[in-house]
């Protein structure tokens, strides 16, 4: 399972690394710092 996340500071750290280690089926993909093309509301 792939989870798309932003670069918020609470999306990193030891709790996240531990959760990913316990659940090898999870993978985190981070959005770029600023990418209006990936934000649907920016199209309007």
Protein backbone atom coordinates (compact mmCIF):
# COMPACT_ATOMS: atom_id res chain seq x y z
CA UNK A 1 0.00 0.00 0.00
CA UNK A 2 1.36 3.39 -0.95
CA UNK A 3 0.50 6.41 1.18
CA UNK A 4 0.94 9.87 -0.34
CA UNK A 5 1.96 12.42 2.27
CA UNK A 6 3.20 15.97 2.41
CA UNK A 7 6.44 17.06 4.06
CA UNK A 8 4.91 17.97 7.42
CA UNK A 9 7.32 17.40 10.31
CA UNK A 10 4.95 14.96 12.05
CA UNK A 11 5.19 12.63 9.03
CA UNK A 12 8.74 11.68 9.99
CA UNK A 13 10.56 10.55 13.08
CA UNK A 14 10.93 7.40 15.08
CA UNK A 15 7.19 6.53 15.41
CA UNK A 16 6.79 6.58 11.62
CA UNK A 17 9.96 4.55 11.04
CA UNK A 18 8.79 2.00 13.63
CA UNK A 19 5.34 1.73 12.00
CA UNK A 20 6.91 1.22 8.57
CA UNK A 21 9.28 -1.43 9.95
CA UNK A 22 6.35 -3.32 11.51
CA UNK A 23 4.29 -3.08 8.31
CA UNK A 24 6.49 -3.86 5.30
CA UNK A 25 3.48 -3.63 2.98
CA UNK A 26 3.32 0.14 3.59
CA UNK A 27 5.34 2.63 1.57
CA UNK A 28 5.40 6.40 1.93
CA UNK A 29 5.70 8.68 -1.08
CA UNK A 30 6.16 12.38 -0.41
CA UNK A 31 4.73 15.20 -2.49
CA UNK A 32 7.23 17.83 -3.60
CA UNK A 33 7.46 20.92 -1.39
CA UNK A 34 5.28 22.94 -3.79
CA UNK A 35 3.41 21.33 -6.64
CA UNK A 36 0.12 22.96 -7.66
CA UNK A 37 -0.39 20.36 -10.41
CA UNK A 38 -0.85 17.68 -7.73
CA UNK A 39 -3.43 19.76 -5.83
CA UNK A 40 -6.83 19.47 -7.60
CA UNK A 41 -8.22 22.70 -6.09
CA UNK A 42 -5.45 24.72 -7.77
CA UNK A 43 -6.93 23.84 -11.17
CA UNK A 44 -10.02 25.95 -10.46
